[in-house]
Amino acid sequence: MQFGNWKITEDSIAWDGNNFQRFVIPAKELNVTRQSVIGDSAFYEWILRATDEDWLTQNDLYDLNYAFVYAIARTDLEFNYEIFDATLEQQFLLFEEEEDDDLE
């Protein structure tokens, strides 16, 4: 299955776009979380790692979000909608910060 430039296999979600870049999320690590530095929110680790990659566009990241949900359901891993919503909220905040930096 493919979402944009993200290919989903039994073992991973992998970037399948520009050959010079590489980003792979191991399937068994899809639901790994990290705690927020501020507050008590948890976020899905790999979504935020991808968001930190300068070479991935917002469209690439939106595609990854869909691929992530599909892959996590396919692997039958535990999925928490509240953590996913918090992760997407954090992702959008990072997008806004990036846009603000571009304007300066």
N, C-alpha and C. Protein backbone atom coordinates (compact mmCIF):
# COMPACT_ATOMS: atom_id res chain seq x y z
N MET A 1 0.86 -1.18 0.00
CA MET A 1 0.00 0.00 0.00
C MET A 1 0.90 1.23 0.00
N GLN A 2 0.44 2.28 -0.63
CA GLN A 2 1.22 3.51 -0.73
C GLN A 2 0.32 4.71 -0.46
N PHE A 3 0.82 5.65 0.33
CA PHE A 3 0.18 6.94 0.57
C PHE A 3 1.17 8.00 0.14
N GLY A 4 0.91 8.68 -0.96
CA GLY A 4 1.87 9.65 -1.47
C GLY A 4 3.19 8.95 -1.72
N ASN A 5 4.25 9.45 -1.11
CA ASN A 5 5.58 8.85 -1.26
C ASN A 5 5.94 7.90 -0.12
N TRP A 6 4.95 7.46 0.63
CA TRP A 6 5.19 6.56 1.75
C TRP A 6 4.70 5.16 1.40
N LYS A 7 5.60 4.22 1.46
CA LYS A 7 5.28 2.83 1.15
C LYS A 7 5.15 2.04 2.45
N ILE A 8 4.03 1.33 2.57
CA ILE A 8 3.79 0.53 3.76
C ILE A 8 4.04 -0.94 3.41
N THR A 9 4.93 -1.55 4.19
CA THR A 9 5.23 -2.97 4.03
C THR A 9 4.90 -3.68 5.34
N GLU A 10 5.13 -4.96 5.38
CA GLU A 10 4.93 -5.72 6.63
C GLU A 10 5.84 -5.22 7.74
N ASP A 11 7.02 -4.70 7.36
CA ASP A 11 8.04 -4.34 8.35
C ASP A 11 8.16 -2.86 8.65
N SER A 12 7.57 -1.99 7.80
CA SER A 12 7.85 -0.57 8.00
C SER A 12 6.92 0.34 7.20
N ILE A 13 7.07 1.62 7.49
CA ILE A 13 6.62 2.70 6.61
C ILE A 13 7.91 3.34 6.14
N ALA A 14 8.11 3.44 4.84
CA ALA A 14 9.37 3.95 4.32
C ALA A 14 9.13 5.02 3.26
N TRP A 15 9.97 6.05 3.29
CA TRP A 15 9.95 7.09 2.27
C TRP A 15 10.34 6.45 0.94
N ASP A 16 9.52 6.68 -0.07
CA ASP A 16 9.75 6.08 -1.38
C ASP A 16 9.80 7.16 -2.46
N GLY A 17 10.19 8.36 -2.06
CA GLY A 17 10.26 9.49 -2.98
C GLY A 17 11.69 9.70 -3.45
N ASN A 18 12.18 10.89 -3.25
CA ASN A 18 13.52 11.27 -3.66
C ASN A 18 14.54 10.25 -3.14
N ASN A 19 15.33 9.70 -4.04
CA ASN A 19 16.29 8.65 -3.67
C ASN A 19 17.42 9.14 -2.77
N PHE A 20 17.61 10.44 -2.68
CA PHE A 20 18.69 10.96 -1.86
C PHE A 20 18.32 11.04 -0.38
N GLN A 21 17.04 10.89 -0.09
CA GLN A 21 16.58 10.98 1.29
C GLN A 21 16.09 9.61 1.76
N ARG A 22 16.18 9.40 3.07
CA ARG A 22 15.74 8.13 3.64
C ARG A 22 15.07 8.39 4.98
N PHE A 23 13.92 7.77 5.16
CA PHE A 23 13.22 7.82 6.44
C PHE A 23 12.41 6.55 6.54
N VAL A 24 12.68 5.76 7.57
CA VAL A 24 12.01 4.47 7.74
C VAL A 24 11.51 4.36 9.18
N ILE A 25 10.25 3.97 9.32
CA ILE A 25 9.67 3.74 10.63
C ILE A 25 9.44 2.23 10.76
N PRO A 26 10.14 1.57 11.65
CA PRO A 26 9.91 0.13 11.85
C PRO A 26 8.48 -0.12 12.35
N ALA A 27 7.81 -1.08 11.76
CA ALA A 27 6.41 -1.37 12.10
C ALA A 27 6.23 -1.64 13.59
N LYS A 28 7.17 -2.34 14.19
CA LYS A 28 7.03 -2.69 15.61
C LYS A 28 7.19 -1.47 16.53
N GLU A 29 7.67 -0.33 15.99
CA GLU A 29 7.86 0.87 16.79
C GLU A 29 6.83 1.96 16.50
N LEU A 30 5.82 1.66 15.69
CA LEU A 30 4.86 2.68 15.29
C LEU A 30 4.19 3.39 16.46
N ASN A 31 3.86 2.67 17.50
CA ASN A 31 3.12 3.30 18.59
C ASN A 31 4.01 3.77 19.75
N VAL A 32 5.30 3.92 19.51
CA VAL A 32 6.20 4.47 20.53
C VAL A 32 5.82 5.93 20.75
N THR A 33 5.77 6.34 22.02
CA THR A 33 5.40 7.71 22.35
C THR A 33 6.53 8.42 23.08
N ARG A 34 6.39 9.74 23.12
CA ARG A 34 7.29 10.57 23.93
C ARG A 34 6.42 11.51 24.76
N GLN A 35 6.91 11.87 25.92
CA GLN A 35 6.19 12.79 26.79
C GLN A 35 6.54 14.22 26.38
N SER A 36 5.58 15.10 26.53
CA SER A 36 5.78 16.51 26.27
C SER A 36 6.73 17.09 27.31
N VAL A 37 7.55 18.02 26.88
CA VAL A 37 8.45 18.70 27.82
C VAL A 37 7.63 19.58 28.76
N ILE A 38 6.57 20.16 28.21
CA ILE A 38 5.68 21.02 28.98
C ILE A 38 4.33 20.31 29.10
N GLY A 39 3.84 20.15 30.30
CA GLY A 39 2.55 19.50 30.49
C GLY A 39 2.69 17.99 30.55
N ASP A 40 1.54 17.33 30.45
CA ASP A 40 1.54 15.88 30.59
C ASP A 40 1.06 15.17 29.33
N SER A 41 1.15 15.84 28.19
CA SER A 41 0.74 15.23 26.93
C SER A 41 1.76 14.20 26.46
N ALA A 42 1.26 13.22 25.75
CA ALA A 42 2.12 12.25 25.07
C ALA A 42 1.91 12.43 23.58
N PHE A 43 2.96 12.14 22.81
CA PHE A 43 2.92 12.27 21.34
C PHE A 43 3.47 11.00 20.72
N TYR A 44 3.02 10.70 19.51
CA TYR A 44 3.63 9.60 18.77
C TYR A 44 4.99 10.06 18.25
N GLU A 45 6.01 9.36 18.70
CA GLU A 45 7.42 9.71 18.44
C GLU A 45 7.75 9.88 16.97
N TRP A 46 7.37 8.91 16.15
CA TRP A 46 7.82 8.91 14.76
C TRP A 46 7.17 10.00 13.92
N ILE A 47 5.95 10.40 14.25
CA ILE A 47 5.32 11.51 13.54
C ILE A 47 6.10 12.79 13.79
N LEU A 48 6.52 13.01 15.03
CA LEU A 48 7.27 14.23 15.33
C LEU A 48 8.71 14.15 14.81
N ARG A 49 9.30 12.98 14.79
CA ARG A 49 10.63 12.85 14.17
C ARG A 49 10.57 13.24 12.70
N ALA A 50 9.54 12.77 12.01
CA ALA A 50 9.39 13.10 10.60
C ALA A 50 9.15 14.60 10.42
N THR A 51 8.37 15.19 11.31
CA THR A 51 8.08 16.62 11.23
C THR A 51 9.35 17.44 11.38
N ASP A 52 10.32 16.94 12.11
CA ASP A 52 11.59 17.63 12.30
C ASP A 52 12.50 17.57 11.07
N GLU A 53 12.18 16.70 10.12
CA GLU A 53 13.00 16.59 8.90
C GLU A 53 12.69 17.76 7.97
N ASP A 54 13.69 18.60 7.71
CA ASP A 54 13.50 19.79 6.88
C ASP A 54 13.11 19.47 5.44
N TRP A 55 13.52 18.35 4.94
CA TRP A 55 13.30 18.02 3.53
C TRP A 55 11.90 17.48 3.25
N LEU A 56 11.16 17.10 4.28
CA LEU A 56 9.79 16.64 4.08
C LEU A 56 8.84 17.83 4.05
N THR A 57 7.97 17.88 3.04
CA THR A 57 7.01 18.97 2.94
C THR A 57 5.81 18.70 3.83
N GLN A 58 4.98 19.71 4.01
CA GLN A 58 3.76 19.51 4.79
C GLN A 58 2.88 18.46 4.12
N ASN A 59 2.80 18.46 2.79
CA ASN A 59 2.01 17.44 2.10
C ASN A 59 2.56 16.04 2.36
N ASP A 60 3.90 15.91 2.38
CA ASP A 60 4.51 14.61 2.69
C ASP A 60 4.11 14.16 4.09
N LEU A 61 4.08 15.10 5.01
CA LEU A 61 3.75 14.77 6.40
C LEU A 61 2.27 14.44 6.55
N TYR A 62 1.41 15.12 5.82
CA TYR A 62 -0.02 14.77 5.84
C TYR A 62 -0.21 13.34 5.33
N ASP A 63 0.49 13.00 4.24
CA ASP A 63 0.43 11.64 3.71
C ASP A 63 0.92 10.63 4.74
N LEU A 64 2.01 11.00 5.44
CA LEU A 64 2.53 10.11 6.48
C LEU A 64 1.49 9.89 7.58
N ASN A 65 0.76 10.93 7.95
CA ASN A 65 -0.26 10.78 8.99
C ASN A 65 -1.28 9.71 8.59
N TYR A 66 -1.72 9.74 7.33
CA TYR A 66 -2.66 8.72 6.85
C TYR A 66 -2.01 7.34 6.82
N ALA A 67 -0.78 7.29 6.33
CA ALA A 67 -0.06 6.01 6.28
C ALA A 67 0.12 5.44 7.68
N PHE A 68 0.40 6.31 8.63
CA PHE A 68 0.62 5.91 10.02
C PHE A 68 -0.63 5.23 10.58
N VAL A 69 -1.78 5.87 10.42
CA VAL A 69 -3.03 5.30 10.95
C VAL A 69 -3.33 3.97 10.28
N TYR A 70 -3.16 3.91 8.97
CA TYR A 70 -3.41 2.66 8.24
C TYR A 70 -2.46 1.56 8.73
N ALA A 71 -1.17 1.89 8.83
CA ALA A 71 -0.18 0.88 9.22
C ALA A 71 -0.38 0.40 10.65
N ILE A 72 -0.73 1.31 11.54
CA ILE A 72 -0.91 0.91 12.93
C ILE A 72 -2.12 -0.02 13.06
N ALA A 73 -3.16 0.24 12.27
CA ALA A 73 -4.34 -0.64 12.28
C ALA A 73 -3.98 -2.00 11.67
N ARG A 74 -3.19 -1.96 10.63
CA ARG A 74 -2.79 -3.19 9.93
C ARG A 74 -1.94 -4.10 10.81
N THR A 75 -1.10 -3.50 11.63
CA THR A 75 -0.21 -4.29 12.50
C THR A 75 -0.89 -4.66 13.81
N ASP A 76 -2.10 -4.15 14.01
CA ASP A 76 -2.88 -4.46 15.20
C ASP A 76 -2.20 -3.99 16.48
N LEU A 77 -1.45 -2.89 16.37
CA LEU A 77 -0.84 -2.30 17.56
C LEU A 77 -1.86 -1.43 18.28
N GLU A 78 -1.63 -1.19 19.56
CA GLU A 78 -2.50 -0.32 20.33
C GLU A 78 -2.40 1.10 19.78
N PHE A 79 -3.54 1.74 19.58
CA PHE A 79 -3.60 3.10 19.04
C PHE A 79 -4.48 3.93 19.94
N ASN A 80 -4.01 5.13 20.27
CA ASN A 80 -4.75 6.01 21.15
C ASN A 80 -5.09 7.30 20.39
N TYR A 81 -6.39 7.53 20.17
CA TYR A 81 -6.82 8.71 19.41
C TYR A 81 -6.45 10.01 20.11
N GLU A 82 -6.47 10.04 21.43
CA GLU A 82 -6.10 11.25 22.15
C GLU A 82 -4.62 11.58 21.92
N ILE A 83 -3.78 10.57 21.95
CA ILE A 83 -2.35 10.80 21.69
C ILE A 83 -2.16 11.25 20.24
N PHE A 84 -2.89 10.64 19.31
CA PHE A 84 -2.77 11.03 17.91
C PHE A 84 -3.23 12.47 17.70
N ASP A 85 -4.35 12.85 18.31
CA ASP A 85 -4.83 14.23 18.21
C ASP A 85 -3.81 15.21 18.79
N ALA A 86 -3.23 14.88 19.93
CA ALA A 86 -2.22 15.74 20.54
C ALA A 86 -0.99 15.84 19.64
N THR A 87 -0.63 14.73 19.01
CA THR A 87 0.52 14.71 18.10
C THR A 87 0.26 15.62 16.90
N LEU A 88 -0.94 15.52 16.32
CA LEU A 88 -1.26 16.37 15.17
C LEU A 88 -1.31 17.84 15.58
N GLU A 89 -1.82 18.13 16.76
CA GLU A 89 -1.83 19.51 17.25
C GLU A 89 -0.40 20.03 17.39
N GLN A 90 0.48 19.22 17.93
CA GLN A 90 1.89 19.61 18.06
C GLN A 90 2.52 19.78 16.68
N GLN A 91 2.19 18.90 15.75
CA GLN A 91 2.72 19.00 14.39
C GLN A 91 2.30 20.33 13.75
N PHE A 92 1.03 20.71 13.90
CA PHE A 92 0.55 21.97 13.34
C PHE A 92 1.23 23.17 13.99
N LEU A 93 1.49 23.10 15.29
CA LEU A 93 2.23 24.17 15.95
C LEU A 93 3.63 24.30 15.38
N LEU A 94 4.27 23.17 15.10
CA LEU A 94 5.60 23.20 14.49
C LEU A 94 5.55 23.78 13.09
N PHE A 95 4.48 23.48 12.33
CA PHE A 95 4.30 24.08 11.00
C PHE A 95 4.20 25.60 11.11
N GLU A 96 3.42 26.08 12.07
CA GLU A 96 3.23 27.51 12.26
C GLU A 96 4.54 28.18 12.65
N GLU A 97 5.30 27.56 13.53
CA GLU A 97 6.60 28.11 13.93
C GLU A 97 7.53 28.20 12.72
N GLU A 98 7.51 27.17 11.88
CA GLU A 98 8.35 27.16 10.69
C GLU A 98 7.94 28.28 9.74
N GLU A 99 6.64 28.49 9.57
CA GLU A 99 6.16 29.56 8.69
C GLU A 99 6.55 30.92 9.25
N ASP A 100 6.45 31.09 10.58
CA ASP A 100 6.85 32.34 11.20
C ASP A 100 8.33 32.60 11.00
N ASP A 101 9.15 31.57 11.12
CA ASP A 101 10.58 31.71 10.90
C ASP A 101 10.89 32.09 9.46
N ASP A 102 10.12 31.57 8.52
CA ASP A 102 10.32 31.88 7.10
C ASP A 102 9.98 33.34 6.80
N LEU A 103 9.06 33.92 7.57
CA LEU A 103 8.66 35.30 7.36
C LEU A 103 9.68 36.30 7.90
N GLU A 104 10.50 35.87 8.81
CA GLU A 104 11.49 36.77 9.44
C GLU A 104 12.69 36.96 8.56
